Amino acid sequence: MMTRVLPPLMLNSLPKAGTHLLSRLFEYLPLYTHSGVVLSNETAKGHEDDRSDIKLGVTSPKRINPSAFTEVMRELNYSQYHYGHLPYSKETDEILTQLGVKMVVLLRDPRAVVCSNVHFILKNKHHELHDTFTALPNFNAQLKTAIVGFDRTQNARKELLSINQCYASIAKWGTDANKKLIFFEDLIGARGDGDELSQRKTVSEILSYVGYPYTNDDLTKLCDQIFSESSPTFSRGRVEGWRMDFTPELEQYFNDNAGDSFKMHQQLRQKHTAD
C-alpha cells in the first residue's frame, strides 16, 4: 500500500464562508486525517493574554498566549489538519512557519457572509447572539447589525466585529504567496450555482499545494462529494443567495458601511484569477 507523508495543514476560513465545504473535501482524502482541533475563540479559554498579538476566532476574537498557541499547533502532526478561524498577525505567521504548517485560506463575498451569518444566528436558539438578534425589529435591522457589528452591551454577551474587520483579519493571509488562497465561489461547484470547471481547478490546486496524489477520476469523485446540505451550519450554499435578502436600500447601506470588505474581495479575486 502506498504511503506518503503530507505537510501539517491549517484550513483557515472566514466564518460562514464555507468552512464545512472545505473540511468536507479533506474528509474524503484518506491520506489526511482531522486532528480533532477546531480553532475558535473557545480554544483560547484558560489561555487568554491581552498583550498577545495572536487571536483565535474572527467575529468575536480572543487573544491567546503565544506559548499556548504554539502548543496547540504542535499537536498537529504530518498528514493531519486543524480547521477553524485564525486571524492574521505577524507573530501567528512566524509560529506556523517555524512549525512547517501550510495553510489553505477560504474567502467568500462578504455580502453573502453577512446574510449567512444572520440566518445561522436566527435558526440556532443556543447561539450566544440569538436573543440579541431576535430582539431587533426586523430582518433589515438584523442584517444592518451584522454589517456594522457592536461592542459588548447588556443585551450581548460578546462583541461582534464589523464585516470590514472580519474580512480584513483573514484576507491578509491571502496576500502571502506561501498560503493557498481559494474562494467559496470557485469551490462550491454547479450544485451551489457555481461553475464545474472552476471547482475542478480549485480542488486540483489544493491537492497540488499539499502534494496530494490524484487522478482525473479522483478529481471527479471529489467534486461530486463535497457539496452537502447536511451540515448544521449550512445556510443556502449558493453563490448569489445573498441577493434574496438584500433590498436596494440594504445594498446601499452595505456599500456605505462595509464597502472596504467588498473592495478587498474584488482585488483578491482579480489577483487570484490573474495568477
C-alpha atoms as a PDB file:
ATOM      1  CA  MET A   1       0.000   0.000   0.000  1.00  0.00           C
ATOM      2  CA  MET A   2       1.280   3.441  -0.934  1.00  0.00           C
ATOM      3  CA  THR A   3       2.080   5.729   1.976  1.00  0.00           C
ATOM      4  CA  ARG A   4       3.031   9.368   1.779  1.00  0.00           C
ATOM      5  CA  VAL A   5       3.875  11.913   4.445  1.00  0.00           C
ATOM      6  CA  LEU A   6       1.979  15.131   3.825  1.00  0.00           C
ATOM      7  CA  PRO A   7       2.574  18.523   5.474  1.00  0.00           C
ATOM      8  CA  PRO A   8       0.658  19.552   8.601  1.00  0.00           C
ATOM      9  CA  LEU A   9      -2.120  21.832   7.431  1.00  0.00           C
ATOM     10  CA  MET A  10      -4.362  24.624   8.704  1.00  0.00           C
ATOM     11  CA  LEU A  11      -7.704  25.046   6.906  1.00  0.00           C
ATOM     12  CA  ASN A  12      -8.442  28.681   7.693  1.00  0.00           C
ATOM     13  CA  SER A  13     -11.658  30.398   6.739  1.00  0.00           C
ATOM     14  CA  LEU A  14     -13.751  33.476   7.200  1.00  0.00           C
ATOM     15  CA  PRO A  15     -16.756  32.264   9.248  1.00  0.00           C
ATOM     16  CA  LYS A  16     -19.782  31.452   7.073  1.00  0.00           C
ATOM     17  CA  ALA A  17     -17.538  31.367   4.015  1.00  0.00           C
ATOM     18  CA  GLY A  18     -17.815  27.599   3.506  1.00  0.00           C
ATOM     19  CA  THR A  19     -15.807  26.109   6.365  1.00  0.00           C
ATOM     20  CA  HIS A  20     -17.783  22.860   6.197  1.00  0.00           C
ATOM     21  CA  LEU A  21     -17.359  22.689   2.432  1.00  0.00           C
ATOM     22  CA  LEU A  22     -13.573  22.880   2.703  1.00  0.00           C
ATOM     23  CA  SER A  23     -13.259  20.487   5.635  1.00  0.00           C
ATOM     24  CA  ARG A  24     -15.584  18.050   3.865  1.00  0.00           C
ATOM     25  CA  LEU A  25     -13.139  17.900   0.953  1.00  0.00           C
ATOM     26  CA  PHE A  26     -10.408  16.728   3.317  1.00  0.00           C
ATOM     27  CA  GLU A  27     -12.715  14.154   4.890  1.00  0.00           C
ATOM     28  CA  TYR A  28     -12.610  12.395   1.523  1.00  0.00           C
ATOM     29  CA  LEU A  29      -8.809  12.399   1.345  1.00  0.00           C
ATOM     30  CA  PRO A  30      -7.699   9.158   3.048  1.00  0.00           C
ATOM     31  CA  LEU A  31      -4.078  10.280   3.423  1.00  0.00           C
ATOM     32  CA  TYR A  32      -5.195  13.199   5.613  1.00  0.00           C
ATOM     33  CA  THR A  33      -6.953  13.000   8.980  1.00  0.00           C
ATOM     34  CA  HIS A  34      -8.526  15.686  11.133  1.00  0.00           C
ATOM     35  CA  SER A  35      -6.521  16.311  14.307  1.00  0.00           C
ATOM     36  CA  GLY A  36      -9.694  16.814  16.329  1.00  0.00           C
ATOM     37  CA  VAL A  37      -8.877  20.506  16.841  1.00  0.00           C
ATOM     38  CA  VAL A  38     -11.222  23.248  15.666  1.00  0.00           C
ATOM     39  CA  LEU A  39      -9.631  26.659  16.233  1.00  0.00           C
ATOM     40  CA  SER A  40     -12.067  29.254  17.567  1.00  0.00           C
ATOM     41  CA  ASN A  41     -12.244  31.787  20.369  1.00  0.00           C
ATOM     42  CA  GLU A  42     -13.250  28.887  22.635  1.00  0.00           C
ATOM     43  CA  THR A  43      -9.761  27.410  22.140  1.00  0.00           C
ATOM     44  CA  ALA A  44      -8.298  30.427  23.929  1.00  0.00           C
ATOM     45  CA  LYS A  45     -10.243  29.790  27.146  1.00  0.00           C
ATOM     46  CA  GLY A  46      -7.862  29.496  30.084  1.00  0.00           C
ATOM     47  CA  HIS A  47      -5.005  30.898  27.990  1.00  0.00           C
ATOM     48  CA  GLU A  48      -6.157  34.478  27.387  1.00  0.00           C
ATOM     49  CA  ASP A  49      -3.434  37.093  27.149  1.00  0.00           C
ATOM     50  CA  ASP A  50      -4.391  40.714  26.437  1.00  0.00           C
ATOM     51  CA  ARG A  51      -0.783  41.522  25.479  1.00  0.00           C
ATOM     52  CA  SER A  52      -0.640  38.885  22.751  1.00  0.00           C
ATOM     53  CA  ASP A  53      -0.990  39.669  19.049  1.00  0.00           C
ATOM     54  CA  ILE A  54      -2.286  36.148  18.389  1.00  0.00           C
ATOM     55  CA  LYS A  55      -6.061  35.914  18.132  1.00  0.00           C
ATOM     56  CA  LEU A  56      -8.441  32.986  17.725  1.00  0.00           C
ATOM     57  CA  GLY A  57     -11.884  33.444  16.249  1.00  0.00           C
ATOM     58  CA  VAL A  58     -12.922  36.188  13.837  1.00  0.00           C
ATOM     59  CA  THR A  59     -16.344  37.617  14.668  1.00  0.00           C
ATOM     60  CA  SER A  60     -15.576  37.786  18.419  1.00  0.00           C
ATOM     61  CA  PRO A  61     -11.826  37.074  18.649  1.00  0.00           C
ATOM     62  CA  LYS A  62      -9.878  36.324  21.810  1.00  0.00           C
ATOM     63  CA  ARG A  63      -6.162  36.866  22.349  1.00  0.00           C
ATOM     64  CA  ILE A  64      -4.224  33.752  23.315  1.00  0.00           C
ATOM     65  CA  ASN A  65      -0.854  33.353  24.999  1.00  0.00           C
ATOM     66  CA  PRO A  66       1.813  32.632  22.329  1.00  0.00           C
ATOM     67  CA  SER A  67       3.137  29.584  24.189  1.00  0.00           C
ATOM     68  CA  ALA A  68      -0.357  28.102  24.456  1.00  0.00           C
ATOM     69  CA  PHE A  69      -0.977  28.724  20.754  1.00  0.00           C
ATOM     70  CA  THR A  70       2.336  27.121  19.854  1.00  0.00           C
ATOM     71  CA  GLU A  71       1.391  24.017  21.842  1.00  0.00           C
ATOM     72  CA  VAL A  72      -1.964  23.786  20.055  1.00  0.00           C
ATOM     73  CA  MET A  73      -0.219  23.925  16.705  1.00  0.00           C
ATOM     74  CA  ARG A  74       2.464  21.447  17.816  1.00  0.00           C
ATOM     75  CA  GLU A  75      -0.330  18.904  18.290  1.00  0.00           C
ATOM     76  CA  LEU A  76      -0.671  18.954  14.520  1.00  0.00           C
ATOM     77  CA  ASN A  77       1.257  16.008  13.053  1.00  0.00           C
ATOM     78  CA  TYR A  78       2.234  15.285   9.472  1.00  0.00           C
ATOM     79  CA  SER A  79      -0.754  14.265   7.317  1.00  0.00           C
ATOM     80  CA  GLN A  80      -3.138  15.974   9.756  1.00  0.00           C
ATOM     81  CA  TYR A  81      -5.135  19.194   9.604  1.00  0.00           C
ATOM     82  CA  HIS A  82      -6.715  21.636  12.025  1.00  0.00           C
ATOM     83  CA  TYR A  83      -9.534  23.814  10.767  1.00  0.00           C
ATOM     84  CA  GLY A  84     -11.158  26.968  12.056  1.00  0.00           C
ATOM     85  CA  HIS A  85     -10.840  30.741  12.106  1.00  0.00           C
ATOM     86  CA  LEU A  86      -7.389  32.239  12.633  1.00  0.00           C
ATOM     87  CA  PRO A  87      -6.873  35.997  12.092  1.00  0.00           C
ATOM     88  CA  TYR A  88      -3.587  37.165  10.632  1.00  0.00           C
ATOM     89  CA  SER A  89      -0.762  38.517  12.729  1.00  0.00           C
ATOM     90  CA  LYS A  90       2.967  38.537  12.096  1.00  0.00           C
ATOM     91  CA  GLU A  91       3.595  36.501  15.249  1.00  0.00           C
ATOM     92  CA  THR A  92       0.995  33.900  14.259  1.00  0.00           C
ATOM     93  CA  ASP A  93       2.579  33.557  10.842  1.00  0.00           C
ATOM     94  CA  GLU A  94       6.068  33.183  12.310  1.00  0.00           C
ATOM     95  CA  ILE A  95       4.952  30.341  14.588  1.00  0.00           C
ATOM     96  CA  LEU A  96       3.240  28.493  11.741  1.00  0.00           C
ATOM     97  CA  THR A  97       6.320  28.908   9.550  1.00  0.00           C
ATOM     98  CA  GLN A  98       8.628  27.608  12.283  1.00  0.00           C
ATOM     99  CA  LEU A  99       6.429  24.539  12.690  1.00  0.00           C
ATOM    100  CA  GLY A 100       6.184  23.903   8.951  1.00  0.00           C
ATOM    101  CA  VAL A 101       2.406  24.287   8.879  1.00  0.00           C
ATOM    102  CA  LYS A 102       0.867  25.009   5.483  1.00  0.00           C
ATOM    103  CA  MET A 103      -2.401  26.911   5.135  1.00  0.00           C
ATOM    104  CA  VAL A 104      -5.393  26.919   2.820  1.00  0.00           C
ATOM    105  CA  VAL A 105      -7.319  30.202   3.144  1.00  0.00           C
ATOM    106  CA  LEU A 106     -11.012  30.314   2.192  1.00  0.00           C
ATOM    107  CA  LEU A 107     -12.822  33.605   1.487  1.00  0.00           C
ATOM    108  CA  ARG A 108     -16.288  34.486   0.206  1.00  0.00           C
ATOM    109  CA  ASP A 109     -18.207  37.527  -0.991  1.00  0.00           C
ATOM    110  CA  PRO A 110     -18.723  39.490   2.259  1.00  0.00           C
ATOM    111  CA  ARG A 111     -22.345  40.239   1.353  1.00  0.00           C
ATOM    112  CA  ALA A 112     -23.047  36.511   1.316  1.00  0.00           C
ATOM    113  CA  VAL A 113     -21.123  36.065   4.572  1.00  0.00           C
ATOM    114  CA  VAL A 114     -23.307  38.643   6.354  1.00  0.00           C
ATOM    115  CA  CYS A 115     -26.534  37.018   5.174  1.00  0.00           C
ATOM    116  CA  SER A 116     -25.382  33.521   6.038  1.00  0.00           C
ATOM    117  CA  ASN A 117     -24.301  34.650   9.499  1.00  0.00           C
ATOM    118  CA  VAL A 118     -27.677  36.219  10.286  1.00  0.00           C
ATOM    119  CA  HIS A 119     -29.588  33.138   9.119  1.00  0.00           C
ATOM    120  CA  PHE A 120     -27.304  30.931  11.203  1.00  0.00           C
ATOM    121  CA  ILE A 121     -27.776  33.026  14.351  1.00  0.00           C
ATOM    122  CA  LEU A 122     -31.555  33.163  13.936  1.00  0.00           C
ATOM    123  CA  LYS A 123     -32.061  29.432  13.452  1.00  0.00           C
ATOM    124  CA  ASN A 124     -29.789  28.438  16.354  1.00  0.00           C
ATOM    125  CA  LYS A 125     -31.546  29.185  19.640  1.00  0.00           C
ATOM    126  CA  HIS A 126     -28.434  28.343  21.647  1.00  0.00           C
ATOM    127  CA  HIS A 127     -26.220  30.798  19.745  1.00  0.00           C
ATOM    128  CA  GLU A 128     -24.804  33.470  22.074  1.00  0.00           C
ATOM    129  CA  LEU A 129     -26.259  36.210  19.883  1.00  0.00           C
ATOM    130  CA  HIS A 130     -29.632  34.616  19.164  1.00  0.00           C
ATOM    131  CA  ASP A 131     -31.541  36.673  21.745  1.00  0.00           C
ATOM    132  CA  THR A 132     -29.785  39.870  20.693  1.00  0.00           C
ATOM    133  CA  PHE A 133     -30.746  39.423  17.044  1.00  0.00           C
ATOM    134  CA  THR A 134     -34.304  38.234  17.630  1.00  0.00           C
ATOM    135  CA  ALA A 135     -34.890  41.332  19.765  1.00  0.00           C
ATOM    136  CA  LEU A 136     -34.228  43.560  16.748  1.00  0.00           C
ATOM    137  CA  PRO A 137     -37.371  44.823  14.997  1.00  0.00           C
ATOM    138  CA  ASN A 138     -36.969  43.140  11.595  1.00  0.00           C
ATOM    139  CA  PHE A 139     -34.659  41.307   9.220  1.00  0.00           C
ATOM    140  CA  ASN A 140     -33.288  44.529   7.746  1.00  0.00           C
ATOM    141  CA  ALA A 141     -32.193  45.659  11.208  1.00  0.00           C
ATOM    142  CA  GLN A 142     -30.588  42.263  11.803  1.00  0.00           C
ATOM    143  CA  LEU A 143     -28.601  42.478   8.576  1.00  0.00           C
ATOM    144  CA  LYS A 144     -27.502  46.039   9.328  1.00  0.00           C
ATOM    145  CA  THR A 145     -26.302  44.931  12.754  1.00  0.00           C
ATOM    146  CA  ALA A 146     -24.306  42.102  11.212  1.00  0.00           C
ATOM    147  CA  ILE A 147     -22.747  44.553   8.765  1.00  0.00           C
ATOM    148  CA  VAL A 148     -21.524  47.131  11.303  1.00  0.00           C
ATOM    149  CA  GLY A 149     -21.199  44.906  14.402  1.00  0.00           C
ATOM    150  CA  PHE A 150     -21.331  46.114  18.008  1.00  0.00           C
ATOM    151  CA  ASP A 151     -19.360  46.317  21.241  1.00  0.00           C
ATOM    152  CA  ARG A 152     -20.297  44.388  24.369  1.00  0.00           C
ATOM    153  CA  THR A 153     -23.659  45.572  25.695  1.00  0.00           C
ATOM    154  CA  GLN A 154     -26.163  44.412  28.281  1.00  0.00           C
ATOM    155  CA  ASN A 155     -28.018  42.584  25.509  1.00  0.00           C
ATOM    156  CA  ALA A 156     -24.962  40.820  24.083  1.00  0.00           C
ATOM    157  CA  ARG A 157     -22.617  38.511  25.906  1.00  0.00           C
ATOM    158  CA  LYS A 158     -19.871  39.159  23.388  1.00  0.00           C
ATOM    159  CA  GLU A 159     -18.852  41.700  20.792  1.00  0.00           C
ATOM    160  CA  LEU A 160     -19.484  41.284  17.095  1.00  0.00           C
ATOM    161  CA  LEU A 161     -16.858  42.794  14.811  1.00  0.00           C
ATOM    162  CA  SER A 162     -17.964  44.522  11.630  1.00  0.00           C
ATOM    163  CA  ILE A 163     -17.707  42.636   8.346  1.00  0.00           C
ATOM    164  CA  ASN A 164     -14.917  45.061   7.342  1.00  0.00           C
ATOM    165  CA  GLN A 165     -12.884  43.987  10.370  1.00  0.00           C
ATOM    166  CA  CYS A 166     -13.689  40.295   9.969  1.00  0.00           C
ATOM    167  CA  TYR A 167     -12.822  40.165   6.282  1.00  0.00           C
ATOM    168  CA  ALA A 168      -9.570  42.076   6.706  1.00  0.00           C
ATOM    169  CA  SER A 169      -8.406  39.778   9.520  1.00  0.00           C
ATOM    170  CA  ILE A 170      -8.478  36.720   7.230  1.00  0.00           C
ATOM    171  CA  ALA A 171      -7.813  38.392   3.869  1.00  0.00           C
ATOM    172  CA  LYS A 172      -4.285  39.365   4.955  1.00  0.00           C
ATOM    173  CA  TRP A 173      -3.311  35.680   4.763  1.00  0.00           C
ATOM    174  CA  GLY A 174      -4.379  35.688   1.123  1.00  0.00           C
ATOM    175  CA  THR A 175      -1.586  38.072   0.148  1.00  0.00           C
ATOM    176  CA  ASP A 176       1.088  35.548   1.195  1.00  0.00           C
ATOM    177  CA  ALA A 177       2.376  33.506  -1.732  1.00  0.00           C
ATOM    178  CA  ASN A 178       3.181  30.621   0.633  1.00  0.00           C
ATOM    179  CA  LYS A 179      -0.501  30.204   1.524  1.00  0.00           C
ATOM    180  CA  LYS A 180      -3.115  28.760  -0.825  1.00  0.00           C
ATOM    181  CA  LEU A 181      -5.952  31.250  -1.288  1.00  0.00           C
ATOM    182  CA  ILE A 182      -9.269  29.899  -2.570  1.00  0.00           C
ATOM    183  CA  PHE A 183     -12.813  31.249  -2.845  1.00  0.00           C
ATOM    184  CA  PHE A 184     -16.164  29.752  -1.967  1.00  0.00           C
ATOM    185  CA  GLU A 185     -17.490  30.872  -5.346  1.00  0.00           C
ATOM    186  CA  ASP A 186     -14.940  28.608  -7.074  1.00  0.00           C
ATOM    187  CA  LEU A 187     -15.153  25.657  -4.679  1.00  0.00           C
ATOM    188  CA  ILE A 188     -18.936  25.250  -4.426  1.00  0.00           C
ATOM    189  CA  GLY A 189     -19.442  23.845  -7.933  1.00  0.00           C
ATOM    190  CA  ALA A 190     -22.542  23.622 -10.117  1.00  0.00           C
ATOM    191  CA  ARG A 191     -24.793  22.297  -7.335  1.00  0.00           C
ATOM    192  CA  GLY A 192     -24.249  25.572  -5.498  1.00  0.00           C
ATOM    193  CA  ASP A 193     -24.776  27.662  -8.649  1.00  0.00           C
ATOM    194  CA  GLY A 194     -21.037  27.835  -9.252  1.00  0.00           C
ATOM    195  CA  ASP A 195     -19.010  26.514 -12.139  1.00  0.00           C
ATOM    196  CA  GLU A 196     -17.844  22.917 -12.594  1.00  0.00           C
ATOM    197  CA  LEU A 197     -14.582  23.861 -14.296  1.00  0.00           C
ATOM    198  CA  SER A 198     -13.704  26.381 -11.571  1.00  0.00           C
ATOM    199  CA  GLN A 199     -14.422  23.763  -8.928  1.00  0.00           C
ATOM    200  CA  ARG A 200     -12.170  21.180 -10.602  1.00  0.00           C
ATOM    201  CA  LYS A 201      -9.398  23.745 -10.979  1.00  0.00           C
ATOM    202  CA  THR A 202      -9.682  24.812  -7.339  1.00  0.00           C
ATOM    203  CA  VAL A 203      -9.698  21.278  -5.932  1.00  0.00           C
ATOM    204  CA  SER A 204      -6.751  20.401  -8.190  1.00  0.00           C
ATOM    205  CA  GLU A 205      -4.801  23.432  -6.926  1.00  0.00           C
ATOM    206  CA  ILE A 206      -5.469  22.495  -3.287  1.00  0.00           C
ATOM    207  CA  LEU A 207      -4.262  18.940  -3.840  1.00  0.00           C
ATOM    208  CA  SER A 208      -1.156  20.115  -5.679  1.00  0.00           C
ATOM    209  CA  TYR A 209      -0.388  22.657  -2.944  1.00  0.00           C
ATOM    210  CA  VAL A 210      -0.141  19.930  -0.288  1.00  0.00           C
ATOM    211  CA  GLY A 211       1.441  17.362  -2.621  1.00  0.00           C
ATOM    212  CA  TYR A 212      -1.558  15.028  -2.603  1.00  0.00           C
ATOM    213  CA  PRO A 213      -1.523  12.397  -5.397  1.00  0.00           C
ATOM    214  CA  TYR A 214      -4.637  12.200  -7.559  1.00  0.00           C
ATOM    215  CA  THR A 215      -6.005  11.153 -10.930  1.00  0.00           C
ATOM    216  CA  ASN A 216      -8.682  12.785 -13.073  1.00  0.00           C
ATOM    217  CA  ASP A 217     -11.147  10.170 -11.823  1.00  0.00           C
ATOM    218  CA  ASP A 218     -10.228  11.075  -8.227  1.00  0.00           C
ATOM    219  CA  LEU A 219     -10.871  14.735  -9.008  1.00  0.00           C
ATOM    220  CA  THR A 220     -14.292  13.996 -10.499  1.00  0.00           C
ATOM    221  CA  LYS A 221     -15.324  11.915  -7.483  1.00  0.00           C
ATOM    222  CA  LEU A 222     -14.152  14.544  -5.001  1.00  0.00           C
ATOM    223  CA  CYS A 223     -16.069  17.320  -6.754  1.00  0.00           C
ATOM    224  CA  ASP A 224     -19.206  15.162  -6.719  1.00  0.00           C
ATOM    225  CA  GLN A 225     -18.896  14.501  -2.985  1.00  0.00           C
ATOM    226  CA  ILE A 226     -18.026  17.762  -1.272  1.00  0.00           C
ATOM    227  CA  PHE A 227     -21.324  19.656  -1.638  1.00  0.00           C
ATOM    228  CA  SER A 228     -23.671  18.754   1.221  1.00  0.00           C
ATOM    229  CA  GLU A 229     -26.698  20.342   2.882  1.00  0.00           C
ATOM    230  CA  SER A 230     -26.373  18.114   5.953  1.00  0.00           C
ATOM    231  CA  SER A 231     -24.069  20.388   7.951  1.00  0.00           C
ATOM    232  CA  PRO A 232     -25.711  22.062  10.969  1.00  0.00           C
ATOM    233  CA  THR A 233     -24.038  25.306   9.879  1.00  0.00           C
ATOM    234  CA  PHE A 234     -25.354  25.071   6.289  1.00  0.00           C
ATOM    235  CA  SER A 235     -27.440  28.031   5.129  1.00  0.00           C
ATOM    236  CA  ARG A 236     -28.214  28.267   1.416  1.00  0.00           C
ATOM    237  CA  GLY A 237     -24.873  27.285  -0.065  1.00  0.00           C
ATOM    238  CA  ARG A 238     -25.467  29.364  -3.197  1.00  0.00           C
ATOM    239  CA  VAL A 239     -23.116  31.846  -4.859  1.00  0.00           C
ATOM    240  CA  GLU A 240     -25.766  34.538  -5.368  1.00  0.00           C
ATOM    241  CA  GLY A 241     -28.044  33.604  -2.466  1.00  0.00           C
ATOM    242  CA  TRP A 242     -27.410  36.934  -0.740  1.00  0.00           C
ATOM    243  CA  ARG A 243     -29.448  38.718  -3.430  1.00  0.00           C
ATOM    244  CA  MET A 244     -32.613  37.173  -1.976  1.00  0.00           C
ATOM    245  CA  ASP A 245     -32.008  39.120   1.248  1.00  0.00           C
ATOM    246  CA  PHE A 246     -30.553  42.415   0.054  1.00  0.00           C
ATOM    247  CA  THR A 247     -33.014  45.150  -0.864  1.00  0.00           C
ATOM    248  CA  PRO A 248     -31.649  48.137  -2.829  1.00  0.00           C
ATOM    249  CA  GLU A 249     -31.647  50.094   0.448  1.00  0.00           C
ATOM    250  CA  LEU A 250     -29.638  47.364   2.195  1.00  0.00           C
ATOM    251  CA  GLU A 251     -27.194  47.160  -0.673  1.00  0.00           C
ATOM    252  CA  GLN A 252     -26.572  50.902  -0.373  1.00  0.00           C
ATOM    253  CA  TYR A 253     -26.180  50.545   3.404  1.00  0.00           C
ATOM    254  CA  PHE A 254     -23.600  47.816   2.855  1.00  0.00           C
ATOM    255  CA  ASN A 255     -21.696  49.907   0.322  1.00  0.00           C
ATOM    256  CA  ASP A 256     -21.655  52.901   2.687  1.00  0.00           C
ATOM    257  CA  ASN A 257     -20.603  50.948   5.780  1.00  0.00           C
ATOM    258  CA  ALA A 258     -18.731  47.892   4.513  1.00  0.00           C
ATOM    259  CA  GLY A 259     -17.522  48.793   1.052  1.00  0.00           C
ATOM    260  CA  ASP A 260     -13.906  48.177   2.067  1.00  0.00           C
ATOM    261  CA  SER A 261     -14.573  44.463   2.554  1.00  0.00           C
ATOM    262  CA  PHE A 262     -16.007  44.089  -0.936  1.00  0.00           C
ATOM    263  CA  LYS A 263     -13.125  46.064  -2.441  1.00  0.00           C
ATOM    264  CA  MET A 264     -10.674  43.684  -0.737  1.00  0.00           C
ATOM    265  CA  HIS A 265     -12.672  40.741  -2.054  1.00  0.00           C
ATOM    266  CA  GLN A 266     -12.638  42.062  -5.616  1.00  0.00           C
ATOM    267  CA  GLN A 267      -8.916  42.835  -5.526  1.00  0.00           C
ATOM    268  CA  LEU A 268      -8.007  39.397  -4.217  1.00  0.00           C
ATOM    269  CA  ARG A 269     -10.311  37.704  -6.737  1.00  0.00           C
ATOM    270  CA  GLN A 270      -8.763  39.649  -9.607  1.00  0.00           C
ATOM    271  CA  LYS A 271      -5.219  38.863  -8.475  1.00  0.00           C
ATOM    272  CA  HIS A 272      -6.119  35.199  -7.960  1.00  0.00           C
ATOM    273  CA  THR A 273      -7.607  34.997 -11.461  1.00  0.00           C
ATOM    274  CA  ALA A 274      -4.565  36.696 -12.994  1.00  0.00           C
ATOM    275  CA  ASP A 275      -2.193  34.280 -11.240  1.00  0.00           C
END
